[in-house]
Structures are given as C-alpha cells and as structure tokens.
Protein backbone atom coordinates (compact mmCIF):
# COMPACT_ATOMS: atom_id res chain seq x y z
CA MET A 1 37.79 -30.47 -9.20
CA VAL A 2 34.37 -29.82 -8.41
CA VAL A 3 31.81 -29.72 -12.02
CA PRO A 4 29.46 -26.95 -12.27
CA GLU A 5 26.57 -29.13 -12.04
CA LEU A 6 27.58 -30.09 -9.16
CA LYS A 7 27.71 -26.49 -7.43
CA ALA A 8 24.70 -26.32 -8.48
CA TRP A 9 23.30 -29.39 -6.60
CA ARG A 10 24.72 -27.69 -3.79
CA ALA A 11 22.72 -24.45 -3.86
CA ALA A 12 19.70 -26.94 -4.82
CA ARG A 13 20.18 -28.80 -1.48
CA PRO A 14 18.33 -27.23 0.88
CA HIS A 15 15.21 -27.52 -1.27
CA VAL A 16 15.83 -31.33 -1.61
CA VAL A 17 16.16 -31.16 2.33
CA ARG A 18 12.84 -29.85 2.42
CA VAL A 19 11.27 -31.93 0.10
CA ALA A 20 12.18 -34.77 1.03
CA ARG A 21 11.35 -33.61 4.99
CA SER A 22 7.46 -32.56 3.55
CA VAL A 23 7.34 -36.47 2.47
CA ARG A 24 8.67 -38.24 5.46
CA PRO A 25 11.07 -38.53 8.20
CA GLN A 26 11.79 -41.57 7.40
CA LEU A 27 13.19 -41.00 4.20
CA VAL A 28 16.38 -39.54 5.37
CA ARG A 29 16.74 -43.38 6.92
CA ALA A 30 15.73 -44.78 3.25
CA VAL A 31 18.43 -42.71 1.12
CA GLU A 32 21.20 -44.06 2.86
CA ALA A 33 19.98 -47.48 1.02
CA VAL A 34 21.43 -45.39 -1.81
CA LYS A 35 24.69 -44.86 -2.64
CA PRO A 36 26.25 -41.50 -2.60
CA PRO A 37 28.01 -42.10 -5.70
CA LEU A 38 24.88 -42.05 -7.86
CA VAL A 39 25.64 -38.20 -7.41
CA ARG A 40 28.31 -37.57 -10.07
CA ALA A 41 26.22 -39.05 -12.46
CA ALA A 42 22.99 -36.94 -11.69
CA GLY A 43 25.86 -33.86 -12.07
CA ALA A 44 26.54 -34.52 -15.46
CA VAL A 45 22.88 -34.55 -16.04
CA LYS A 46 22.45 -30.31 -16.99
CA PRO A 47 19.02 -30.44 -17.94
CA LEU A 48 17.94 -31.27 -14.41
CA VAL A 49 19.43 -27.67 -13.21
CA THR A 50 19.44 -25.23 -15.72
CA GLN A 51 16.24 -26.14 -17.39
CA PRO A 52 13.84 -27.68 -15.07
CA SER A 53 10.92 -29.16 -16.80
CA THR A 54 9.02 -32.15 -15.51
CA VAL A 55 10.66 -34.31 -18.28
CA GLN A 56 14.28 -33.19 -17.08
CA PHE A 57 13.58 -33.60 -13.92
CA THR A 58 13.33 -37.20 -15.27
CA ALA A 59 16.69 -36.97 -16.20
CA GLY A 60 17.94 -36.69 -13.13
CA ALA A 61 15.94 -39.06 -11.32
CA ALA A 62 17.63 -41.90 -14.15
CA THR A 63 21.02 -41.75 -12.00
CA LEU A 64 20.19 -40.77 -8.45
CA GLY A 65 17.97 -43.74 -8.35
CA LEU A 66 14.57 -44.36 -6.40
CA VAL A 67 15.23 -41.95 -3.70
CA VAL A 68 15.58 -39.12 -5.08
CA ALA A 69 13.46 -39.79 -7.98
CA ALA A 70 10.76 -39.75 -5.05
CA THR A 71 11.88 -36.28 -4.33
CA VAL A 72 11.89 -35.13 -7.31
CA VAL A 73 8.46 -36.26 -8.21
CA THR A 74 6.77 -35.08 -5.19
CA ALA A 75 8.52 -31.16 -6.20
CA ALA A 76 7.55 -32.10 -10.46
CA GLY A 77 3.95 -33.88 -10.48
CA PRO A 78 2.87 -37.07 -10.49
CA TRP A 79 3.14 -39.66 -12.70
CA ASP A 80 0.72 -42.30 -13.88
CA SER A 81 -0.71 -44.45 -10.91
CA THR A 82 -0.14 -47.43 -11.95
CA GLY A 83 3.98 -46.54 -12.64
CA GLN A 84 7.49 -46.45 -11.53
CA ARG A 85 7.56 -42.77 -10.19
CA THR A 86 4.43 -43.62 -7.93
CA ALA A 87 5.54 -46.98 -6.37
CA GLU A 88 8.93 -45.14 -5.33
CA ARG A 89 7.05 -41.82 -3.44
CA ASP A 90 5.27 -44.98 -1.90
CA TRP A 91 8.42 -46.73 -0.85
CA ALA A 92 9.54 -43.59 -0.04
CA ALA A 93 7.14 -42.70 2.93
CA SER A 94 6.59 -45.84 3.72
CA GLN A 95 5.55 -47.63 7.31
CA GLY A 96 7.16 -45.39 10.46
CA ARG A 97 7.68 -48.84 12.11
CA ALA A 98 10.11 -49.99 8.94
CA GLY A 99 12.41 -47.29 10.46
CA GLY A 100 14.09 -47.45 6.81
CA ALA A 101 15.66 -50.97 7.41
CA ASP A 102 12.62 -53.06 5.71
CA HIS A 103 10.74 -50.87 3.44
CA GLY A 104 7.43 -53.53 3.90
CA HIS A 105 4.74 -53.87 1.25
CA VAL A 106 4.38 -51.59 -1.17
CA SER A 107 0.97 -51.03 -3.48
CA GLY A 108 1.48 -52.00 -6.94
CA THR A 109 4.50 -54.54 -5.90
CA SER A 110 4.56 -58.88 -5.59
CA GLY A 111 3.57 -58.13 -1.49
CA LYS A 112 7.13 -59.51 -0.61
CA ALA A 113 8.74 -57.38 1.69
CA PRO A 114 12.75 -57.15 0.80
CA ALA A 115 15.48 -57.96 2.90
CA PRO A 116 16.86 -54.78 5.22
CA ALA A 117 18.80 -52.04 2.45
CA PRO A 118 22.59 -51.74 2.82
CA SER A 119 23.92 -49.44 4.85
CA ALA A 120 25.04 -46.58 3.37
CA ALA A 121 26.20 -42.94 3.55
CA SER A 122 23.30 -40.36 3.20
CA VAL A 123 22.85 -39.27 -0.65
CA LEU A 124 22.32 -35.89 1.16
CA THR A 125 25.48 -35.60 2.84
CA GLY A 126 26.97 -36.34 -0.74
CA LEU A 127 25.78 -34.16 -2.13
CA GLY A 128 28.42 -31.78 -0.63
CA GLY A 129 31.39 -34.46 -1.20
CA SER A 130 33.72 -36.29 -3.82
CA VAL A 131 31.94 -39.19 -5.36
CA GLY A 132 32.94 -41.86 -7.26
CA ALA A 133 36.74 -41.62 -6.84
CA GLY A 134 37.77 -45.19 -6.32
CA PRO A 135 39.28 -46.75 -9.46
CA SER A 136 37.12 -48.17 -11.82
CA PRO A 137 36.95 -51.79 -12.41
CA THR A 138 39.48 -54.03 -13.85
CA GLU A 139 38.26 -56.68 -16.89
CA LYS A 140 40.51 -59.03 -14.76
CA ALA A 141 38.58 -58.35 -11.00
CA LEU A 142 35.31 -58.83 -13.07
CA ALA A 143 35.85 -61.94 -15.45
CA ASP A 144 36.90 -63.14 -11.70
CA VAL A 145 33.79 -62.55 -10.03
CA LEU A 146 31.46 -62.50 -13.02
CA GLY A 147 33.03 -65.23 -15.10
CA PRO A 148 32.33 -68.53 -12.35
CA LEU A 149 28.35 -66.82 -12.04
CA LEU A 150 28.35 -67.31 -16.02
CA ASP A 151 29.35 -70.89 -16.01
CA ASN A 152 26.26 -71.63 -13.74
CA ALA A 153 24.60 -74.42 -15.88
CA ALA A 154 20.93 -72.73 -14.92
CA LEU A 155 21.73 -69.84 -16.97
CA GLY A 156 21.43 -72.60 -19.74
CA THR A 157 24.19 -73.08 -23.05
CA GLU A 158 24.70 -69.64 -24.59
CA ARG A 159 25.46 -66.55 -22.30
CA THR A 160 27.08 -63.51 -23.58
CA ALA A 161 27.45 -60.12 -21.46
CA ALA A 162 29.04 -56.79 -21.17
CA VAL A 163 29.68 -54.29 -18.51
CA VAL A 164 30.54 -50.80 -19.16
CA ASP A 165 31.22 -47.29 -17.44
CA LEU A 166 28.70 -44.89 -18.28
CA ALA A 167 31.42 -42.17 -16.89
CA THR A 168 33.64 -42.97 -19.78
CA GLY A 169 31.51 -45.34 -22.55
CA LYS A 170 34.25 -48.07 -21.73
CA ARG A 171 33.42 -51.54 -21.90
CA LEU A 172 35.04 -53.43 -18.45
CA TYR A 173 34.14 -56.82 -19.90
CA GLY A 174 32.88 -59.26 -22.48
CA LYS A 175 32.15 -62.53 -22.95
CA GLY A 176 30.53 -63.40 -26.27
CA ALA A 177 29.20 -59.17 -26.14
CA GLY A 178 29.12 -58.83 -30.00
CA ASP A 179 27.04 -62.55 -30.33
CA ALA A 180 23.13 -61.72 -31.15
CA LEU A 181 20.84 -64.04 -29.06
CA SER A 182 17.01 -63.30 -28.81
CA PRO A 183 16.39 -60.49 -26.29
CA ALA A 184 13.12 -60.89 -25.41
CA SER A 185 11.75 -57.89 -23.52
CA THR A 186 15.14 -56.38 -23.26
CA THR A 187 14.37 -54.89 -27.61
CA LYS A 188 11.99 -52.59 -25.23
CA ILE A 189 15.01 -50.66 -24.32
CA ALA A 190 16.07 -50.50 -28.05
CA THR A 191 12.37 -49.28 -29.29
CA ALA A 192 12.84 -46.69 -25.95
CA VAL A 193 15.53 -45.06 -27.53
CA ALA A 194 14.43 -45.06 -30.96
CA ALA A 195 10.88 -43.82 -30.02
CA LEU A 196 12.61 -40.72 -27.89
CA THR A 197 15.04 -39.89 -30.75
CA ALA A 198 12.53 -40.22 -33.56
CA ALA A 199 9.08 -38.35 -31.87
CA GLY A 200 10.88 -36.82 -29.36
CA ALA A 201 10.49 -37.00 -25.12
CA ASP A 202 7.57 -34.50 -24.97
CA HIS A 203 5.88 -35.59 -28.46
CA ARG A 204 1.59 -36.29 -27.43
CA ILE A 205 -0.02 -39.14 -29.34
CA ALA A 206 -3.66 -37.02 -30.64
CA THR A 207 -7.11 -39.26 -31.03
CA ARG A 208 -9.36 -36.77 -32.51
CA THR A 209 -12.73 -36.39 -34.16
CA VAL A 210 -13.06 -34.40 -37.02
CA LEU A 211 -16.56 -33.35 -39.13
CA GLU A 212 -17.01 -34.12 -42.29
CA PRO A 213 -18.15 -30.71 -45.02
CA ASP A 214 -21.93 -30.01 -45.63
CA SER A 215 -22.96 -33.61 -43.42
CA GLU A 216 -23.54 -34.81 -40.36
CA LYS A 217 -21.03 -37.34 -40.90
CA VAL A 218 -18.65 -37.90 -37.83
CA VAL A 219 -15.03 -39.71 -37.90
CA LEU A 220 -13.16 -40.97 -34.95
CA VAL A 221 -9.59 -40.75 -36.10
CA GLY A 222 -7.03 -43.14 -34.29
CA GLY A 223 -3.74 -41.94 -33.50
CA GLY A 224 -1.93 -44.86 -32.32
CA ASP A 225 -3.27 -44.07 -28.75
CA PRO A 226 -2.52 -47.55 -26.48
CA THR A 227 -3.30 -46.11 -23.26
CA LEU A 228 -6.44 -44.06 -24.42
CA THR A 229 -8.89 -44.82 -22.27
CA ALA A 230 -12.52 -45.36 -21.77
CA ARG A 231 -12.80 -45.76 -17.76
CA LYS A 232 -14.45 -42.76 -15.39
CA ASP A 233 -10.80 -42.57 -13.55
CA ALA A 234 -8.27 -41.88 -16.43
CA GLU A 235 -5.50 -41.63 -14.04
CA GLY A 236 -3.92 -39.23 -16.51
CA ASN A 237 -4.41 -41.25 -19.50
CA ALA A 238 -6.49 -39.75 -22.56
CA SER A 239 -10.15 -40.30 -21.99
CA LEU A 240 -12.55 -41.26 -24.50
CA ARG A 241 -14.89 -39.77 -21.81
CA THR A 242 -13.43 -35.92 -22.11
CA LEU A 243 -13.35 -36.61 -26.33
CA ALA A 244 -17.13 -37.66 -25.84
CA ASP A 245 -17.26 -34.22 -23.70
CA GLU A 246 -15.81 -32.10 -26.17
CA THR A 247 -17.15 -33.42 -29.44
CA ALA A 248 -21.14 -33.04 -28.35
CA ARG A 249 -20.53 -30.18 -27.16
CA ALA A 250 -18.86 -29.00 -30.35
CA LEU A 251 -21.35 -30.70 -32.09
CA LYS A 252 -24.05 -29.20 -30.02
CA ASP A 253 -22.98 -25.38 -30.86
CA ARG A 254 -23.80 -26.55 -34.18
CA LYS A 255 -27.30 -27.46 -33.89
CA THR A 256 -26.30 -30.87 -34.26
CA ASP A 257 -27.72 -33.55 -32.27
CA GLU A 258 -27.59 -36.66 -34.84
CA VAL A 259 -24.31 -38.29 -36.73
CA THR A 260 -23.33 -40.64 -38.29
CA LEU A 261 -20.36 -42.12 -36.83
CA SER A 262 -17.14 -43.86 -38.36
CA TYR A 263 -13.77 -44.79 -37.26
CA ASP A 264 -10.31 -44.52 -38.87
CA THR A 265 -7.67 -46.69 -38.34
CA SER A 266 -5.59 -46.05 -41.62
CA LEU A 267 -2.67 -44.67 -39.49
CA TYR A 268 -0.96 -47.61 -39.18
CA GLU A 269 -0.30 -50.44 -42.31
CA GLY A 270 -0.05 -54.15 -42.59
CA PRO A 271 -1.09 -56.75 -40.66
CA ASP A 272 -2.56 -55.86 -37.33
CA VAL A 273 -1.71 -59.39 -35.47
CA HIS A 274 1.68 -59.51 -34.16
CA PRO A 275 3.61 -62.99 -35.38
CA ILE A 276 2.37 -64.96 -32.27
CA GLY A 277 -0.85 -65.04 -32.69
CA LEU A 278 -4.60 -63.91 -31.45
CA ASP A 279 -4.40 -66.92 -28.93
CA ASN A 280 -1.95 -65.27 -26.48
CA THR A 281 -2.63 -62.70 -23.27
CA ASN A 282 0.78 -60.41 -23.81
CA VAL A 283 -0.47 -58.38 -26.83
CA ALA A 284 -4.15 -56.99 -28.42
CA ARG A 285 -4.02 -56.52 -31.87
CA VAL A 286 -1.95 -53.30 -33.14
CA THR A 287 -4.20 -50.98 -34.45
CA ALA A 288 -4.10 -47.00 -34.54
CA LEU A 289 -7.48 -47.40 -32.47
CA MET A 290 -8.15 -49.09 -29.10
CA ALA A 291 -9.06 -48.54 -25.29
CA ASP A 292 -7.73 -49.73 -22.65
CA GLU A 293 -5.60 -52.14 -24.40
CA GLY A 294 -8.09 -54.05 -25.71
CA ARG A 295 -8.26 -55.62 -22.22
CA LEU A 296 -11.72 -57.41 -21.44
CA ASP A 297 -10.80 -57.09 -17.76
CA ASP A 298 -9.91 -53.95 -15.26
CA THR A 299 -6.09 -54.80 -15.21
CA SER A 300 -3.52 -51.96 -16.98
CA SER A 301 -0.20 -54.33 -16.96
CA GLY A 302 0.38 -57.60 -17.55
CA THR A 303 -1.48 -60.64 -19.15
CA ALA A 304 -5.42 -60.68 -19.99
CA LYS A 305 -7.91 -61.39 -22.52
CA ARG A 306 -8.17 -58.89 -25.25
CA THR A 307 -10.87 -58.38 -27.79
CA GLU A 308 -10.87 -59.69 -31.22
CA GLN A 309 -11.69 -55.99 -32.52
CA PRO A 310 -10.24 -53.45 -30.27
CA ALA A 311 -10.71 -50.73 -32.71
CA ALA A 312 -14.75 -51.29 -33.20
CA ASP A 313 -15.07 -51.49 -29.69
CA ALA A 314 -14.08 -48.80 -29.18
CA ALA A 315 -15.66 -46.98 -31.67
CA LYS A 316 -18.94 -48.45 -29.91
CA LYS A 317 -18.05 -47.26 -26.87
CA PHE A 318 -17.51 -44.16 -27.87
CA ALA A 319 -21.01 -43.81 -29.79
CA ASP A 320 -22.21 -45.22 -26.52
CA LEU A 321 -21.02 -42.24 -24.73
CA LEU A 322 -22.16 -39.82 -27.26
CA LYS A 323 -25.76 -41.19 -26.58
CA ASP A 324 -25.48 -40.33 -23.25
CA ARG A 325 -24.74 -36.38 -24.26
CA GLY A 326 -27.55 -36.20 -26.19
CA ILE A 327 -26.07 -36.98 -29.47
CA LYS A 328 -27.93 -40.03 -31.32
CA THR A 329 -25.47 -41.92 -33.91
CA ALA A 330 -26.13 -45.50 -34.98
CA ASP A 331 -23.31 -48.53 -34.76
CA PRO A 332 -20.46 -47.01 -36.34
CA VAL A 333 -18.39 -48.41 -39.28
CA PRO A 334 -14.58 -48.02 -40.68
CA ALA A 335 -14.31 -44.83 -43.00
CA GLU A 336 -11.02 -42.71 -43.52
CA ALA A 337 -11.72 -39.44 -42.97
CA THR A 338 -10.92 -36.51 -45.74
CA ALA A 339 -8.83 -34.50 -46.42
CA ARG A 340 -11.41 -31.61 -45.51
CA ALA A 341 -13.07 -33.02 -42.58
CA LYS A 342 -12.92 -30.06 -40.09
CA ALA A 343 -11.83 -30.52 -36.54
CA LEU A 344 -14.08 -31.12 -33.60
CA ALA A 345 -12.76 -32.03 -30.68
CA THR A 346 -8.79 -33.73 -29.65
CA VAL A 347 -7.77 -35.29 -27.16
CA LYS A 348 -3.54 -36.21 -25.77
CA SER A 349 -1.81 -39.20 -24.31
CA PRO A 350 0.93 -38.23 -22.01
CA PRO A 351 4.45 -37.19 -23.66
CA LEU A 352 6.02 -40.07 -25.08
CA SER A 353 8.85 -39.73 -22.17
CA ALA A 354 5.92 -41.41 -19.52
CA LEU A 355 4.95 -43.96 -22.01
CA VAL A 356 8.43 -45.01 -22.31
CA GLU A 357 8.65 -45.62 -18.39
CA ARG A 358 5.50 -47.20 -17.92
CA MET A 359 6.72 -49.62 -20.96
CA LEU A 360 9.59 -50.22 -19.27
CA THR A 361 8.84 -50.64 -15.80
CA ASN A 362 5.69 -52.93 -16.65
CA SER A 363 7.40 -55.05 -20.05
CA ASP A 364 3.80 -53.29 -21.55
CA ASN A 365 3.81 -55.08 -25.37
CA ASP A 366 1.37 -53.08 -26.11
CA ILE A 367 3.21 -50.27 -25.50
CA ALA A 368 6.53 -51.49 -27.41
CA GLU A 369 4.02 -51.95 -30.26
CA ALA A 370 2.54 -48.69 -30.65
CA LEU A 371 6.02 -47.03 -29.95
CA ALA A 372 7.42 -48.64 -33.09
CA ARG A 373 4.77 -47.40 -35.11
CA GLN A 374 5.06 -44.28 -33.62
CA THR A 375 8.89 -44.16 -34.77
CA ALA A 376 8.04 -45.24 -38.38
CA VAL A 377 5.44 -42.47 -38.51
CA ALA A 378 8.14 -40.02 -37.43
CA ALA A 379 11.08 -41.63 -39.54
CA GLY A 380 8.74 -41.39 -42.94
CA GLU A 381 8.54 -45.49 -42.78
CA PRO A 382 5.23 -47.64 -43.15
CA ALA A 383 3.50 -47.97 -39.86
CA SER A 384 3.94 -51.64 -39.96
CA PHE A 385 5.62 -54.15 -37.62
CA LYS A 386 8.43 -54.66 -41.07
CA GLY A 387 8.90 -50.76 -41.21
CA GLY A 388 8.30 -49.80 -37.37
CA GLY A 389 11.96 -52.59 -36.84
CA THR A 390 13.10 -50.32 -39.90
CA ALA A 391 12.53 -47.27 -38.08
CA ILE A 392 14.18 -48.45 -35.28
CA ARG A 393 17.68 -49.71 -36.82
CA LYS A 394 17.48 -46.60 -38.84
CA GLN A 395 17.28 -43.96 -35.43
CA LEU A 396 20.18 -46.43 -33.46
CA LYS A 397 22.07 -46.00 -36.44
CA LYS A 398 21.61 -42.18 -36.47
CA LEU A 399 23.37 -42.72 -32.92
CA GLY A 400 26.31 -44.32 -33.95
CA LEU A 401 25.44 -47.70 -31.98
CA PRO A 402 26.83 -50.70 -33.01
CA LEU A 403 23.85 -52.87 -35.24
CA LYS A 404 26.18 -55.56 -36.49
CA GLY A 405 24.12 -59.17 -36.32
CA ALA A 406 20.91 -57.05 -34.96
CA GLU A 407 17.20 -57.39 -36.21
CA PHE A 408 14.64 -55.59 -35.07
CA ALA A 409 11.44 -58.01 -36.11
CA ASP A 410 8.63 -55.80 -33.62
CA GLY A 411 8.74 -53.56 -30.65
CA SER A 412 8.04 -55.70 -27.78
CA GLY A 413 10.69 -58.51 -28.08
CA LEU A 414 7.94 -60.84 -28.17
CA ASP A 415 8.90 -62.22 -31.96
CA ARG A 416 11.85 -64.61 -31.42
CA ALA A 417 13.70 -62.96 -34.76
CA ASP A 418 14.86 -60.52 -32.79
CA LYS A 419 18.53 -60.36 -31.76
CA LEU A 420 20.52 -58.26 -29.99
CA THR A 421 24.16 -58.39 -28.53
CA ALA A 422 25.20 -57.44 -25.24
CA ASP A 423 27.32 -54.44 -26.70
CA LEU A 424 24.47 -52.93 -28.25
CA LEU A 425 22.16 -53.13 -25.16
CA THR A 426 24.84 -51.21 -22.79
CA ALA A 427 25.80 -49.03 -25.70
CA LEU A 428 22.08 -48.19 -25.74
CA LEU A 429 21.94 -47.60 -21.58
CA ALA A 430 25.29 -45.64 -22.61
CA LYS A 431 23.83 -43.34 -24.85
CA ALA A 432 20.84 -42.98 -22.79
CA ALA A 433 23.05 -41.52 -19.84
CA ASP A 434 25.22 -39.55 -22.14
CA PRO A 435 24.71 -35.26 -20.95
CA ALA A 436 24.51 -34.77 -24.38
CA HIS A 437 21.12 -36.86 -25.15
CA PRO A 438 18.97 -35.71 -21.87
CA GLU A 439 15.62 -36.47 -24.08
CA LEU A 440 16.65 -40.13 -23.78
CA ARG A 441 16.90 -40.37 -20.16
CA PRO A 442 13.43 -41.97 -19.50
CA ALA A 443 15.43 -44.99 -20.93
CA LEU A 444 16.81 -45.29 -17.98
CA THR A 445 14.50 -43.69 -15.45
CA GLY A 446 11.40 -46.79 -16.99
CA LEU A 447 14.17 -49.20 -15.76
CA PRO A 448 11.94 -50.98 -12.71
CA VAL A 449 14.23 -51.63 -9.07
CA ALA A 450 15.16 -54.64 -7.84
CA GLY A 451 12.38 -55.83 -5.33
CA PHE A 452 10.31 -52.75 -5.76
CA THR A 453 8.53 -51.94 -8.86
CA GLY A 454 7.17 -53.69 -12.05
CA THR A 455 8.88 -56.65 -13.85
CA LEU A 456 11.93 -56.27 -10.73
CA SER A 457 9.08 -56.03 -7.87
CA GLY A 458 9.09 -60.19 -6.79
CA ARG A 459 12.81 -60.29 -7.40
CA TYR A 460 16.48 -60.29 -5.23
CA ALA A 461 14.30 -61.63 -2.28
CA GLY A 462 17.56 -61.62 -0.34
CA GLN A 463 20.03 -60.25 -2.32
CA PRO A 464 22.23 -57.58 -1.96
CA GLY A 465 21.21 -56.02 -5.61
CA THR A 466 17.61 -55.12 -4.10
CA GLY A 467 16.71 -50.86 -4.07
CA LEU A 468 20.64 -50.71 -5.74
CA VAL A 469 19.56 -52.63 -8.87
CA ARG A 470 17.08 -50.78 -12.22
CA ALA A 471 17.51 -52.92 -14.82
CA LYS A 472 14.90 -54.58 -18.07
CA THR A 473 13.97 -58.39 -17.83
CA GLY A 474 13.39 -60.64 -20.43
CA THR A 475 11.95 -63.76 -20.55
CA LEU A 476 10.56 -66.32 -23.00
CA THR A 477 10.78 -69.95 -23.14
CA GLY A 478 14.39 -71.09 -22.95
CA VAL A 479 15.20 -67.16 -23.66
CA HIS A 480 16.06 -65.15 -20.42
CA THR A 481 17.98 -61.41 -20.32
CA LEU A 482 18.45 -58.92 -17.86
CA ALA A 483 20.07 -54.90 -18.65
CA GLY A 484 20.59 -52.21 -16.58
CA THR A 485 22.57 -49.94 -14.41
CA VAL A 486 24.41 -50.15 -11.00
CA VAL A 487 26.44 -48.30 -9.22
CA ASP A 488 29.48 -50.34 -7.61
CA THR A 489 30.83 -49.86 -4.11
CA ASP A 490 33.61 -47.48 -5.25
CA GLY A 491 30.86 -45.05 -7.00
CA HIS A 492 30.93 -45.84 -10.78
CA LEU A 493 27.84 -46.11 -12.64
CA LEU A 494 27.46 -49.08 -14.62
CA ALA A 495 25.55 -50.48 -17.26
CA PHE A 496 25.33 -54.03 -17.93
CA ALA A 497 23.56 -56.87 -19.80
CA PHE A 498 23.55 -60.66 -19.67
CA LEU A 499 21.71 -62.75 -22.29
CA THR A 500 21.15 -66.57 -22.17
CA ALA A 501 19.59 -69.24 -24.48
CA SER A 502 19.18 -72.67 -23.67
CA ASP A 503 17.37 -75.96 -25.78
CA PRO A 504 15.93 -77.91 -23.78
CA PRO A 505 15.01 -74.71 -21.82
CA THR A 506 16.12 -74.32 -18.17
CA GLU A 507 14.13 -73.74 -15.34
CA PRO A 508 12.85 -70.14 -15.26
CA THR A 509 13.09 -69.59 -11.77
CA ALA A 510 16.50 -71.00 -11.57
CA THR A 511 17.71 -69.05 -14.41
CA GLN A 512 16.45 -65.26 -13.33
CA LYS A 513 18.30 -65.93 -9.38
CA GLY A 514 21.23 -66.62 -11.93
CA LEU A 515 20.75 -63.35 -13.85
CA ASP A 516 20.64 -61.17 -10.52
CA ALA A 517 23.10 -62.63 -8.59
CA LEU A 518 25.22 -61.68 -11.47
CA ALA A 519 23.93 -58.04 -11.04
CA SER A 520 23.91 -57.89 -7.69
CA THR A 521 27.40 -58.95 -8.14
CA LEU A 522 28.35 -55.87 -9.79
CA ALA A 523 26.60 -53.65 -6.66
CA THR A 524 28.78 -55.22 -3.92
CA CYS A 525 32.26 -56.37 -5.73
CA GLY A 526 34.52 -53.14 -6.07
CA CYS A 527 36.39 -55.19 -8.38
CA ASN A 528 39.44 -53.33 -8.62
C-alpha cells in the first residue's frame, strides 16, 4: 500500500530533481551514498508536504538524511553559517574531481577526507518505489553482532545499549537498557526535546531596550539569548549592533541624545556558575544577557576562554555602540526594568528549532544551558540549574517517556550528576521521529553526520557508517556515549544508544572507535 504522503512525494519529485540539478550535477552521485529506505520514514513526516514552512522542511531533512537535507535547504533558505545544513550543502556540491566517491575537504570539518561512500540505489529513483520492505532486525541477530562489540575492553567497565525500530517504536535489542549512567552530552537530546515541547519550535528569544517613564534611563533587558552577537557579521543571529541602531533612532525621535544605561539580568535565578566551575573553557556563566557566549576570541563553537562578567561586558559593548551612534551614556550598571518602562527596540534570536540544531551539531554547552532555562520559563519553573532540570523532567513526563532512574542536573551534560538510560535516549529519538510530533524533528536534524559535520566530522574514518550514521556524542573523563539514528540495509530507520563508563578511565580514542563500530555495524548488518 502506498501512503498518501508517498504519493505527495512523487508529485514533488520534479521539484526535488530541479533543485538537485541546480546545486550541482555531482549531487546525484552523492545521493547514491544514502539508502532509499530513508524515503519511507520521510513519507511519514506529514508537515513536510502539507505545510511547507522552513521549520517543517527541517522535519523532512530528519529522515531523508544529509543529501536531501541539502536540497531542501536550497529551497527553504539558509541556516546558520557554522551549522549542519551549510556543511551538508557544501558537501553535496563538493569538488568535481571527487565524483561523489570521495567528498574531499568540507569547510568546518576536520579536513580529513572520508573513505569512499558506500554504493546504494538513488534516493531519487527510490521515491517511486517501495522501501523498507525487508524484515525487521531480530533480537538474536542483533545480539550476535553487537554482543561481541560491546564486550570490547576498550569500552570500559560499564556499558549499556538499546536499539529501537523508529517505524514501530519497538525495542529490538537491549543490554542494561534500563540502567542509568552518566550520559555526558547526550543529555542535550533530552534538553532539545523538552525545550521544543515547552516553548515551541518557532519561539524566538528577545533582547530589548526600554525607557523608564519620565526619565532618560534606558535599560538593556536580557532574554537569555546566548547567540546574541556584537560582531559586524551577525550571520543570522540577533545583533547587538542592530539593537543599538534601532534604540538610537527611537531616542533621537524623542529628541534625546544623552541617557543613563542599565542592564537587567533578572530573568534567571540562582547561581550562574556551572558546577564544573569557572576554570573551564566549555561554558560561560549562565546569565540572561551575554554576547557571543562570552567568548574572548572570534570562535563560535568549541572551547574558548570566557569573560568572567558576560552581562556587564555585553552592556559595555552596547554602550559603546550607542556612543558611535550619537547617544551619550556613562558606563552601564545593573538594574531591573520596571513594569512601566516603554519599549524602545527589540531583536530576536533565530527560532528555537535552529538553536536546537546548532546545539546538537556543535555540542554547544552555552546554548544547552540557555535552552534548559527557556524550558523552565515556559514551564513556570525558576530559571535556574535546579529549575531547568525540574522543567525538563516535567516536559518529558508529559510525553510519556521512561524516566525511571533519570536525573537532570543541567542542560548540557557537563554535570556528572546527570543520569540517563539507553531506553530513555532511544525513546527521545523515537518521539522526535513520531509523525504526531513534527515540532520535535530538529532533535533529529541537528544530529551530526558521521565523518562530515559537527562533533562527528573527525570520526568514522574508514568505517562503513560514514555519511550514514547521525548521532550525538558524549564525552567526559571516563564516560563515552553515542546516541542517534541509522538506516540498516533492509531500509529500517533505527534509533540507538550506547553508554559506557570506566574507572579508571579508558583511552578515549579507542573507546570512541568502539562506539563508532557499533553504530556502523547497525548500518551494514541487516540482522534478520
């Protein structure tokens, strides 16, 4: 039986082909690296065809994989310049000499050329045919291939695993799947699903200026946007320069060219220093006002030295920008805006869907902690570490997810007090793939692509999972995890989660290779 959505895909096929051709002829060869069975999963994503907004095009990219994501984004518009979609589009239009067999260097990746992509029938041809018709993997067959790999001493002293068929939601394999371990950064999958549930995929975080009545007191009010930037090229993010332009214009319209400036960070509560402490380059103070994640260099992802006063520094930059625009002001001081203050100007972040994708692709801890607090604000909880954890649990409980043993101490997974199970991680991915929850699809589309994007760009060299596995990594000393999706040789879209821990710690590279081998095996074994 052909589902209505597949008929719609067939109708849309000429447009997809035109877009693919417009990107580059080599795209067709590159498409052959992705298996046709992904189409069935895409057919279940109703909003991709019925309501073709940018966010819902993202939903289709979740299951069609990296090549179709490139064609969709060409039609729907660009994403942030450091994120997954741009990397995928660059990859699809890579050097002609590669011929679709070796994708060569991709901007924003490790620079190591991946092995030739596995050969597979064209997705464009698959649009008109049946997919995923083979038998589902069996528990015994999965145990036969995964069991020996999980016994690898490089994985450490503790290891748990789960594999789920996303078409049925059925768990196909489990090893200690209900045992809670430290998840490290795979915690961000839970943060993503909770934030999208609580605040919505289209929510944008506002940073604004207000004028106190009968005065010349301007207040810069932080809304919790960690991607607010003071750089000349905002790259799609909310711009502190634009806010200064609009604020200066509004003040001049009021015949005002001199003000006092304050900044308001009252949206967030509790300690702003992550439990790992300030002597860490992974995350800045968690505050409602910051610019460029408080980074002291020109990076936009990864580790970096951070300012000890991100809110004050952002306000000082804003004051300087106002002065450049003819508005005199002294150095800003902290103060809370009153309810009677009048709006001057507002800038907004990219939609939450884009922030989630960027968080997952780059494993961005600052965005993760901000999204945990945005979840708390939307859920009516205190916007603190504790309140964020409470709000995440509350949202996941609403979705009926298995929370036994789960603990949420932060949004990023940097806190070792976090505990998740392989069952919960695969359930999160299954919920994000559910046609009834298109708003959660960014939790899939943001997952790095093995060998190409984000935290997987430097992994999977020579492994068959290259370009086929999409997964969130997790790494702390003695803790290594991997959770994501893959399509097997019979066309079944599978979710997997592998969590390991060891005391004393294992050698990181060997452990990561062991995890990558597990995911690659799912891509190639068939297992029925």
